[in-house]
C-alpha atoms as a PDB file:
ATOM      1  CA  MET A   1       4.530  29.091 -24.912  1.00  0.00           C
ATOM      2  CA  LEU A   2       3.199  27.776 -21.643  1.00  0.00           C
ATOM      3  CA  ASP A   3       4.831  26.193 -18.669  1.00  0.00           C
ATOM      4  CA  ARG A   4       3.339  23.892 -16.066  1.00  0.00           C
ATOM      5  CA  THR A   5       3.273  25.272 -12.528  1.00  0.00           C
ATOM      6  CA  ILE A   6       1.815  24.212  -9.206  1.00  0.00           C
ATOM      7  CA  ALA A   7      -1.146  26.205  -7.934  1.00  0.00           C
ATOM      8  CA  PRO A   8      -1.549  27.012  -4.211  1.00  0.00           C
ATOM      9  CA  ASP A   9      -4.214  24.318  -3.880  1.00  0.00           C
ATOM     10  CA  GLY A  10      -1.766  21.687  -5.116  1.00  0.00           C
ATOM     11  CA  SER A  11      -3.252  21.247  -8.573  1.00  0.00           C
ATOM     12  CA  LEU A  12      -1.133  21.351 -11.710  1.00  0.00           C
ATOM     13  CA  GLN A  13      -1.806  24.404 -13.863  1.00  0.00           C
ATOM     14  CA  THR A  14      -0.238  26.298 -16.746  1.00  0.00           C
ATOM     15  CA  GLY A  15       1.507  29.626 -16.536  1.00  0.00           C
ATOM     16  CA  ALA A  16       2.953  32.202 -18.937  1.00  0.00           C
ATOM     17  CA  SER A  17       6.368  31.945 -20.532  1.00  0.00           C
ATOM     18  CA  ASP A  18       9.184  34.389 -19.902  1.00  0.00           C
ATOM     19  CA  ALA A  19       9.610  37.786 -21.563  1.00  0.00           C
ATOM     20  CA  HIS A  20      11.480  36.305 -24.530  1.00  0.00           C
ATOM     21  CA  GLY A  21       8.708  33.892 -25.395  1.00  0.00           C
ATOM     22  CA  GLU A  22      10.834  30.902 -24.377  1.00  0.00           C
ATOM     23  CA  ARG A  23       9.538  28.087 -22.228  1.00  0.00           C
ATOM     24  CA  VAL A  24      10.435  28.590 -18.582  1.00  0.00           C
ATOM     25  CA  ILE A  25      12.225  25.337 -17.849  1.00  0.00           C
ATOM     26  CA  GLY A  26      11.810  24.397 -14.218  1.00  0.00           C
ATOM     27  CA  ARG A  27      11.126  21.543 -11.893  1.00  0.00           C
ATOM     28  CA  PRO A  28       8.158  22.615  -9.772  1.00  0.00           C
ATOM     29  CA  THR A  29       7.718  20.659  -6.581  1.00  0.00           C
ATOM     30  CA  VAL A  30       4.889  20.304  -4.112  1.00  0.00           C
ATOM     31  CA  TYR A  31       4.950  18.744  -0.641  1.00  0.00           C
ATOM     32  CA  VAL A  32       2.596  15.770  -0.779  1.00  0.00           C
ATOM     33  CA  TYR A  33       3.356  13.025   1.735  1.00  0.00           C
ATOM     34  CA  GLU A  34       3.873  14.052   5.354  1.00  0.00           C
ATOM     35  CA  ALA A  35       6.443  12.341   7.578  1.00  0.00           C
ATOM     36  CA  PRO A  36       3.950  10.029   9.400  1.00  0.00           C
ATOM     37  CA  VAL A  37       2.641   8.820   6.033  1.00  0.00           C
ATOM     38  CA  ARG A  38       6.148   8.034   4.810  1.00  0.00           C
ATOM     39  CA  ILE A  39       7.160   6.302   8.059  1.00  0.00           C
ATOM     40  CA  CYS A  40       4.033   4.137   8.045  1.00  0.00           C
ATOM     41  CA  HIS A  41       4.588   3.315   4.379  1.00  0.00           C
ATOM     42  CA  TRP A  42       8.109   1.972   4.840  1.00  0.00           C
ATOM     43  CA  VAL A  43       7.427   0.188   8.147  1.00  0.00           C
ATOM     44  CA  ASN A  44       4.343  -1.466   6.662  1.00  0.00           C
ATOM     45  CA  ALA A  45       6.272  -2.379   3.509  1.00  0.00           C
ATOM     46  CA  LEU A  46       9.007  -4.095   5.549  1.00  0.00           C
ATOM     47  CA  ALA A  47       6.451  -5.827   7.779  1.00  0.00           C
ATOM     48  CA  ILE A  48       4.532  -7.117   4.752  1.00  0.00           C
ATOM     49  CA  VAL A  49       7.712  -8.550   3.183  1.00  0.00           C
ATOM     50  CA  VAL A  50       8.585 -10.328   6.453  1.00  0.00           C
ATOM     51  CA  LEU A  51       5.012 -11.614   6.726  1.00  0.00           C
ATOM     52  CA  MET A  52       5.069 -12.924   3.168  1.00  0.00           C
ATOM     53  CA  VAL A  53       8.318 -14.831   3.606  1.00  0.00           C
ATOM     54  CA  SER A  54       7.500 -16.229   7.050  1.00  0.00           C
ATOM     55  CA  GLY A  55       3.896 -16.941   6.040  1.00  0.00           C
ATOM     56  CA  TYR A  56       5.056 -18.924   3.034  1.00  0.00           C
ATOM     57  CA  PHE A  57       7.195 -21.173   5.242  1.00  0.00           C
ATOM     58  CA  ILE A  58       4.352 -21.574   7.730  1.00  0.00           C
ATOM     59  CA  GLY A  59       2.078 -22.728   4.895  1.00  0.00           C
ATOM     60  CA  THR A  60       4.852 -24.840   3.346  1.00  0.00           C
ATOM     61  CA  PRO A  61       7.022 -25.971   6.282  1.00  0.00           C
ATOM     62  CA  LEU A  62      10.651 -26.883   5.886  1.00  0.00           C
ATOM     63  CA  PRO A  63      11.575 -30.595   5.803  1.00  0.00           C
ATOM     64  CA  SER A  64      12.017 -32.187   9.198  1.00  0.00           C
ATOM     65  CA  VAL A  65      15.517 -32.632  10.597  1.00  0.00           C
ATOM     66  CA  GLY A  66      16.961 -35.281  12.836  1.00  0.00           C
ATOM     67  CA  GLY A  67      18.083 -34.976  16.428  1.00  0.00           C
ATOM     68  CA  GLU A  68      16.477 -33.634  19.569  1.00  0.00           C
ATOM     69  CA  ALA A  69      13.422 -31.469  18.991  1.00  0.00           C
ATOM     70  CA  SER A  70      14.720 -28.950  21.548  1.00  0.00           C
ATOM     71  CA  ALA A  71      17.711 -28.276  19.274  1.00  0.00           C
ATOM     72  CA  HIS A  72      15.522 -27.486  16.265  1.00  0.00           C
ATOM     73  CA  PHE A  73      13.229 -24.573  16.967  1.00  0.00           C
ATOM     74  CA  LEU A  74      13.447 -23.116  13.467  1.00  0.00           C
ATOM     75  CA  MET A  75       9.710 -23.187  12.770  1.00  0.00           C
ATOM     76  CA  GLY A  76       9.137 -21.685  16.193  1.00  0.00           C
ATOM     77  CA  TYR A  77      11.365 -18.746  15.291  1.00  0.00           C
ATOM     78  CA  ILE A  78       9.584 -18.379  11.932  1.00  0.00           C
ATOM     79  CA  ARG A  79       6.184 -18.325  13.639  1.00  0.00           C
ATOM     80  CA  PHE A  80       7.430 -15.812  16.226  1.00  0.00           C
ATOM     81  CA  THR A  81       8.750 -13.575  13.433  1.00  0.00           C
ATOM     82  CA  HIS A  82       5.411 -13.842  11.635  1.00  0.00           C
ATOM     83  CA  PHE A  83       3.432 -12.962  14.766  1.00  0.00           C
ATOM     84  CA  ALA A  84       5.726 -10.030  15.642  1.00  0.00           C
ATOM     85  CA  ALA A  85       5.609  -8.604  12.110  1.00  0.00           C
ATOM     86  CA  GLY A  86       1.826  -8.999  12.083  1.00  0.00           C
ATOM     87  CA  GLN A  87       1.441  -6.997  15.289  1.00  0.00           C
ATOM     88  CA  ILE A  88       3.790  -4.283  13.992  1.00  0.00           C
ATOM     89  CA  LEU A  89       1.753  -4.101  10.781  1.00  0.00           C
ATOM     90  CA  ALA A  90      -1.478  -3.799  12.788  1.00  0.00           C
ATOM     91  CA  VAL A  91      -0.103  -0.962  14.944  1.00  0.00           C
ATOM     92  CA  PHE A  92       1.248   1.066  12.029  1.00  0.00           C
ATOM     93  CA  PHE A  93      -1.822   0.382   9.872  1.00  0.00           C
ATOM     94  CA  LEU A  94      -3.963   1.747  12.718  1.00  0.00           C
ATOM     95  CA  ALA A  95      -1.605   4.737  12.989  1.00  0.00           C
ATOM     96  CA  ARG A  96      -2.028   5.300   9.261  1.00  0.00           C
ATOM     97  CA  VAL A  97      -5.814   5.256   9.653  1.00  0.00           C
ATOM     98  CA  LEU A  98      -5.660   7.755  12.517  1.00  0.00           C
ATOM     99  CA  TRP A  99      -3.358  10.082  10.561  1.00  0.00           C
ATOM    100  CA  ALA A 100      -5.913  10.197   7.747  1.00  0.00           C
ATOM    101  CA  PHE A 101      -8.131  12.223  10.107  1.00  0.00           C
ATOM    102  CA  VAL A 102      -5.467  14.834  10.945  1.00  0.00           C
ATOM    103  CA  GLY A 103      -3.152  14.844   7.921  1.00  0.00           C
ATOM    104  CA  ASN A 104      -3.538  16.592   4.564  1.00  0.00           C
ATOM    105  CA  HIS A 105      -6.018  15.393   1.965  1.00  0.00           C
ATOM    106  CA  HIS A 106      -3.375  13.237   0.264  1.00  0.00           C
ATOM    107  CA  SER A 107      -3.182  11.098   3.419  1.00  0.00           C
ATOM    108  CA  ARG A 108      -6.840  10.134   2.939  1.00  0.00           C
ATOM    109  CA  GLN A 109      -6.668   9.037  -0.698  1.00  0.00           C
ATOM    110  CA  ILE A 110      -6.049   5.337  -0.026  1.00  0.00           C
ATOM    111  CA  PHE A 111      -9.119   5.038   2.208  1.00  0.00           C
ATOM    112  CA  TYR A 112     -11.850   5.861  -0.290  1.00  0.00           C
ATOM    113  CA  VAL A 113     -12.769   5.808  -3.959  1.00  0.00           C
ATOM    114  CA  PRO A 114     -15.146   8.525  -5.258  1.00  0.00           C
ATOM    115  CA  VAL A 115     -17.346   6.056  -7.109  1.00  0.00           C
ATOM    116  CA  HIS A 116     -20.061   8.694  -7.625  1.00  0.00           C
ATOM    117  CA  ARG A 117     -17.863  10.927  -9.813  1.00  0.00           C
ATOM    118  CA  VAL A 118     -18.154  10.236 -13.539  1.00  0.00           C
ATOM    119  CA  GLN A 119     -15.001  12.274 -14.245  1.00  0.00           C
ATOM    120  CA  PHE A 120     -13.057  10.055 -11.854  1.00  0.00           C
ATOM    121  CA  TRP A 121     -13.882   6.926 -13.855  1.00  0.00           C
ATOM    122  CA  LYS A 122     -13.030   8.700 -17.113  1.00  0.00           C
ATOM    123  CA  GLU A 123      -9.615   9.458 -15.653  1.00  0.00           C
ATOM    124  CA  VAL A 124      -9.284   5.841 -14.489  1.00  0.00           C
ATOM    125  CA  LEU A 125      -9.912   4.753 -18.081  1.00  0.00           C
ATOM    126  CA  HIS A 126      -7.297   7.214 -19.310  1.00  0.00           C
ATOM    127  CA  GLU A 127      -4.752   5.795 -16.829  1.00  0.00           C
ATOM    128  CA  ILE A 128      -5.539   2.234 -17.928  1.00  0.00           C
ATOM    129  CA  ARG A 129      -4.873   3.294 -21.511  1.00  0.00           C
ATOM    130  CA  TRP A 130      -1.678   5.060 -20.397  1.00  0.00           C
ATOM    131  CA  TYR A 131      -0.382   1.952 -18.621  1.00  0.00           C
ATOM    132  CA  ALA A 132      -1.324  -0.122 -21.673  1.00  0.00           C
ATOM    133  CA  PHE A 133       0.808   2.200 -23.886  1.00  0.00           C
ATOM    134  CA  LEU A 134      -2.280   3.436 -25.747  1.00  0.00           C
ATOM    135  CA  GLU A 135      -1.893   7.083 -24.679  1.00  0.00           C
ATOM    136  CA  ARG A 136       1.014   9.246 -25.781  1.00  0.00           C
ATOM    137  CA  GLU A 137       1.001  11.702 -22.869  1.00  0.00           C
ATOM    138  CA  PRO A 138       0.343  11.151 -19.152  1.00  0.00           C
ATOM    139  CA  LYS A 139      -1.853  13.359 -17.016  1.00  0.00           C
ATOM    140  CA  MET A 140      -0.187  15.005 -14.043  1.00  0.00           C
ATOM    141  CA  TYR A 141      -1.479  14.381 -10.520  1.00  0.00           C
ATOM    142  CA  VAL A 142      -0.050  15.784  -7.315  1.00  0.00           C
ATOM    143  CA  GLY A 143      -1.130  12.750  -5.278  1.00  0.00           C
ATOM    144  CA  HIS A 144      -2.186   9.306  -6.488  1.00  0.00           C
ATOM    145  CA  ASN A 145      -3.670   9.175  -9.950  1.00  0.00           C
ATOM    146  CA  PRO A 146      -7.256   7.776 -10.049  1.00  0.00           C
ATOM    147  CA  LEU A 147      -6.168   4.266 -11.059  1.00  0.00           C
ATOM    148  CA  ALA A 148      -3.482   4.187  -8.356  1.00  0.00           C
ATOM    149  CA  GLN A 149      -5.994   5.443  -5.780  1.00  0.00           C
ATOM    150  CA  THR A 150      -8.396   2.647  -6.714  1.00  0.00           C
ATOM    151  CA  ALA A 151      -5.595   0.064  -6.592  1.00  0.00           C
ATOM    152  CA  MET A 152      -4.300   1.303  -3.225  1.00  0.00           C
ATOM    153  CA  PHE A 153      -7.787   1.213  -1.712  1.00  0.00           C
ATOM    154  CA  THR A 154      -8.582  -2.294  -2.914  1.00  0.00           C
ATOM    155  CA  GLY A 155      -5.135  -3.888  -3.113  1.00  0.00           C
ATOM    156  CA  PHE A 156      -3.661  -2.387   0.043  1.00  0.00           C
ATOM    157  CA  THR A 157      -6.249  -0.944   2.440  1.00  0.00           C
ATOM    158  CA  LEU A 158      -8.917  -3.639   2.095  1.00  0.00           C
ATOM    159  CA  PHE A 159      -6.495  -6.562   1.675  1.00  0.00           C
ATOM    160  CA  VAL A 160      -4.292  -5.551   4.615  1.00  0.00           C
ATOM    161  CA  ALA A 161      -7.355  -5.019   6.816  1.00  0.00           C
ATOM    162  CA  PHE A 162      -8.576  -8.495   5.826  1.00  0.00           C
ATOM    163  CA  MET A 163      -5.172 -10.045   6.584  1.00  0.00           C
ATOM    164  CA  ILE A 164      -4.952  -8.341   9.990  1.00  0.00           C
ATOM    165  CA  ILE A 165      -8.459  -9.466  10.972  1.00  0.00           C
ATOM    166  CA  THR A 166      -8.035 -13.087   9.860  1.00  0.00           C
ATOM    167  CA  GLY A 167      -4.480 -13.189  11.220  1.00  0.00           C
ATOM    168  CA  PHE A 168      -5.517 -12.135  14.714  1.00  0.00           C
ATOM    169  CA  ALA A 169      -8.454 -14.536  14.576  1.00  0.00           C
ATOM    170  CA  LEU A 170      -6.060 -17.406  13.875  1.00  0.00           C
ATOM    171  CA  TYR A 171      -3.686 -16.137  16.563  1.00  0.00           C
ATOM    172  CA  SER A 172      -6.548 -16.196  19.081  1.00  0.00           C
ATOM    173  CA  GLU A 173      -6.744 -19.969  18.720  1.00  0.00           C
ATOM    174  CA  GLY A 174      -3.451 -20.160  20.589  1.00  0.00           C
ATOM    175  CA  THR A 175      -4.164 -17.423  23.139  1.00  0.00           C
ATOM    176  CA  GLY A 176      -7.582 -18.834  24.091  1.00  0.00           C
ATOM    177  CA  ILE A 177     -11.155 -17.600  24.252  1.00  0.00           C
ATOM    178  CA  ASP A 178     -10.378 -15.327  27.219  1.00  0.00           C
ATOM    179  CA  SER A 179      -7.804 -13.322  25.271  1.00  0.00           C
ATOM    180  CA  TRP A 180      -8.409  -9.858  23.812  1.00  0.00           C
ATOM    181  CA  GLN A 181      -7.585 -11.271  20.391  1.00  0.00           C
ATOM    182  CA  HIS A 182     -10.523 -13.660  20.587  1.00  0.00           C
ATOM    183  CA  ARG A 183     -12.853 -11.024  22.020  1.00  0.00           C
ATOM    184  CA  LEU A 184     -12.060  -8.672  19.141  1.00  0.00           C
ATOM    185  CA  PHE A 185     -11.655 -11.126  16.260  1.00  0.00           C
ATOM    186  CA  GLY A 186     -13.386 -14.336  17.341  1.00  0.00           C
ATOM    187  CA  TRP A 187     -16.429 -13.377  15.263  1.00  0.00           C
ATOM    188  CA  VAL A 188     -14.470 -14.467  12.202  1.00  0.00           C
ATOM    189  CA  PHE A 189     -15.205 -18.081  13.162  1.00  0.00           C
ATOM    190  CA  ALA A 190     -18.927 -17.303  13.028  1.00  0.00           C
ATOM    191  CA  ILE A 191     -18.390 -16.703   9.291  1.00  0.00           C
ATOM    192  CA  TRP A 192     -15.991 -19.643   8.808  1.00  0.00           C
ATOM    193  CA  PRO A 193     -16.616 -22.148  11.641  1.00  0.00           C
ATOM    194  CA  ASN A 194     -13.920 -24.409  10.215  1.00  0.00           C
ATOM    195  CA  SER A 195     -10.552 -22.978  11.224  1.00  0.00           C
ATOM    196  CA  GLN A 196      -8.934 -24.450   8.118  1.00  0.00           C
ATOM    197  CA  ASP A 197     -11.166 -22.249   5.960  1.00  0.00           C
ATOM    198  CA  VAL A 198      -9.763 -19.183   7.720  1.00  0.00           C
ATOM    199  CA  HIS A 199      -6.241 -20.510   7.136  1.00  0.00           C
ATOM    200  CA  THR A 200      -7.038 -21.008   3.438  1.00  0.00           C
ATOM    201  CA  TRP A 201      -8.443 -17.487   2.959  1.00  0.00           C
ATOM    202  CA  HIS A 202      -5.528 -16.003   4.901  1.00  0.00           C
ATOM    203  CA  HIS A 203      -3.101 -17.901   2.676  1.00  0.00           C
ATOM    204  CA  LEU A 204      -4.899 -16.770  -0.491  1.00  0.00           C
ATOM    205  CA  GLY A 205      -4.797 -13.211   0.823  1.00  0.00           C
ATOM    206  CA  MET A 206      -1.016 -13.516   1.069  1.00  0.00           C
ATOM    207  CA  TRP A 207      -0.753 -14.365  -2.628  1.00  0.00           C
ATOM    208  CA  ALA A 208      -3.098 -11.485  -3.465  1.00  0.00           C
ATOM    209  CA  LEU A 209      -0.743  -9.144  -1.583  1.00  0.00           C
ATOM    210  CA  VAL A 210       2.277 -10.645  -3.360  1.00  0.00           C
ATOM    211  CA  THR A 211       0.609  -9.837  -6.683  1.00  0.00           C
ATOM    212  CA  PHE A 212      -0.261  -6.326  -5.535  1.00  0.00           C
ATOM    213  CA  VAL A 213       3.298  -5.622  -4.341  1.00  0.00           C
ATOM    214  CA  MET A 214       4.799  -6.706  -7.676  1.00  0.00           C
ATOM    215  CA  VAL A 215       2.358  -4.547  -9.663  1.00  0.00           C
ATOM    216  CA  HIS A 216       2.833  -1.625  -7.242  1.00  0.00           C
ATOM    217  CA  ILE A 217       6.629  -1.675  -7.575  1.00  0.00           C
ATOM    218  CA  TYR A 218       6.452  -2.014 -11.364  1.00  0.00           C
ATOM    219  CA  ALA A 219       3.969   0.868 -11.670  1.00  0.00           C
ATOM    220  CA  ALA A 220       6.019   3.142  -9.386  1.00  0.00           C
ATOM    221  CA  ILE A 221       9.243   2.553 -11.340  1.00  0.00           C
ATOM    222  CA  ARG A 222       7.451   2.892 -14.682  1.00  0.00           C
ATOM    223  CA  GLU A 223       5.812   6.180 -13.724  1.00  0.00           C
ATOM    224  CA  ASP A 224       9.067   7.561 -12.347  1.00  0.00           C
ATOM    225  CA  ILE A 225      10.629   6.974 -15.771  1.00  0.00           C
ATOM    226  CA  MET A 226       7.796   7.666 -18.205  1.00  0.00           C
ATOM    227  CA  SER A 227       5.489  10.254 -16.636  1.00  0.00           C
ATOM    228  CA  ARG A 228       8.238  12.822 -15.927  1.00  0.00           C
ATOM    229  CA  GLN A 229       7.265  13.153 -12.277  1.00  0.00           C
ATOM    230  CA  SER A 230       8.950  11.754  -9.196  1.00  0.00           C
ATOM    231  CA  ILE A 231       7.179   8.786  -7.639  1.00  0.00           C
ATOM    232  CA  ILE A 232       9.634   6.677  -5.636  1.00  0.00           C
ATOM    233  CA  SER A 233      11.583   9.611  -4.199  1.00  0.00           C
ATOM    234  CA  SER A 234       8.282  11.236  -3.167  1.00  0.00           C
ATOM    235  CA  MET A 235       7.900   8.571  -0.492  1.00  0.00           C
ATOM    236  CA  VAL A 236      11.373   9.454   0.819  1.00  0.00           C
ATOM    237  CA  SER A 237      11.364  13.246   0.742  1.00  0.00           C
ATOM    238  CA  GLY A 238       7.615  13.798   0.680  1.00  0.00           C
ATOM    239  CA  GLU A 239       7.917  16.089  -2.352  1.00  0.00           C
ATOM    240  CA  ARG A 240       6.490  15.397  -5.796  1.00  0.00           C
ATOM    241  CA  GLN A 241       8.643  16.870  -8.551  1.00  0.00           C
ATOM    242  CA  PHE A 242       7.382  17.557 -12.056  1.00  0.00           C
ATOM    243  CA  ARG A 243      10.087  17.415 -14.695  1.00  0.00           C
ATOM    244  CA  GLU A 244       9.981  19.036 -18.115  1.00  0.00           C
END
């Protein structure tokens, strides 16, 4: 009989059974996500939710109300909330990028996809079959599995970067051409000279993120239940636990 154990390099291996030939039942754990990674994850998650809700109302404003305009600043508050959450997201996204250079190798997974590795794509195919209920047993990964790594890179890293860039470009229209926002992000209007085009792509990006968040939450809960390894609690404690 064999039992799964965690090797020093963080990979999942097999080890011998006990002296009686019985499986050694245990719950091996490995420290995966460092504190800065977890903090950035939850701050960014909250910021994205606030941005989605406030962005929806900016794109689909509330009906007008009667009375003095000075007594009805609701849309102003919504826009302020959107701008504040956007700047918080930008700061913590940048912090997450910087930590990828100094953190462990798990902190770098969401910033690249090893497209040159044939084995990686074979494992992606296996994960697709696993999520489609075509595989009976999951493979164990200490960090993100290959499909999750691909999804995080495309659905989170690239999409969030796109939303930050287009968001600050739109914000620069209010701050003016002398602002740092326009100096850093004004080039976006060289690609889309019509400001409404930038608004449209920014709005579509919001719905892409909404879709990603729903799939991300579903996949995390599903894996926590079906793959016999902790997923959601890993982003709280930092430890991945493998259950027999």
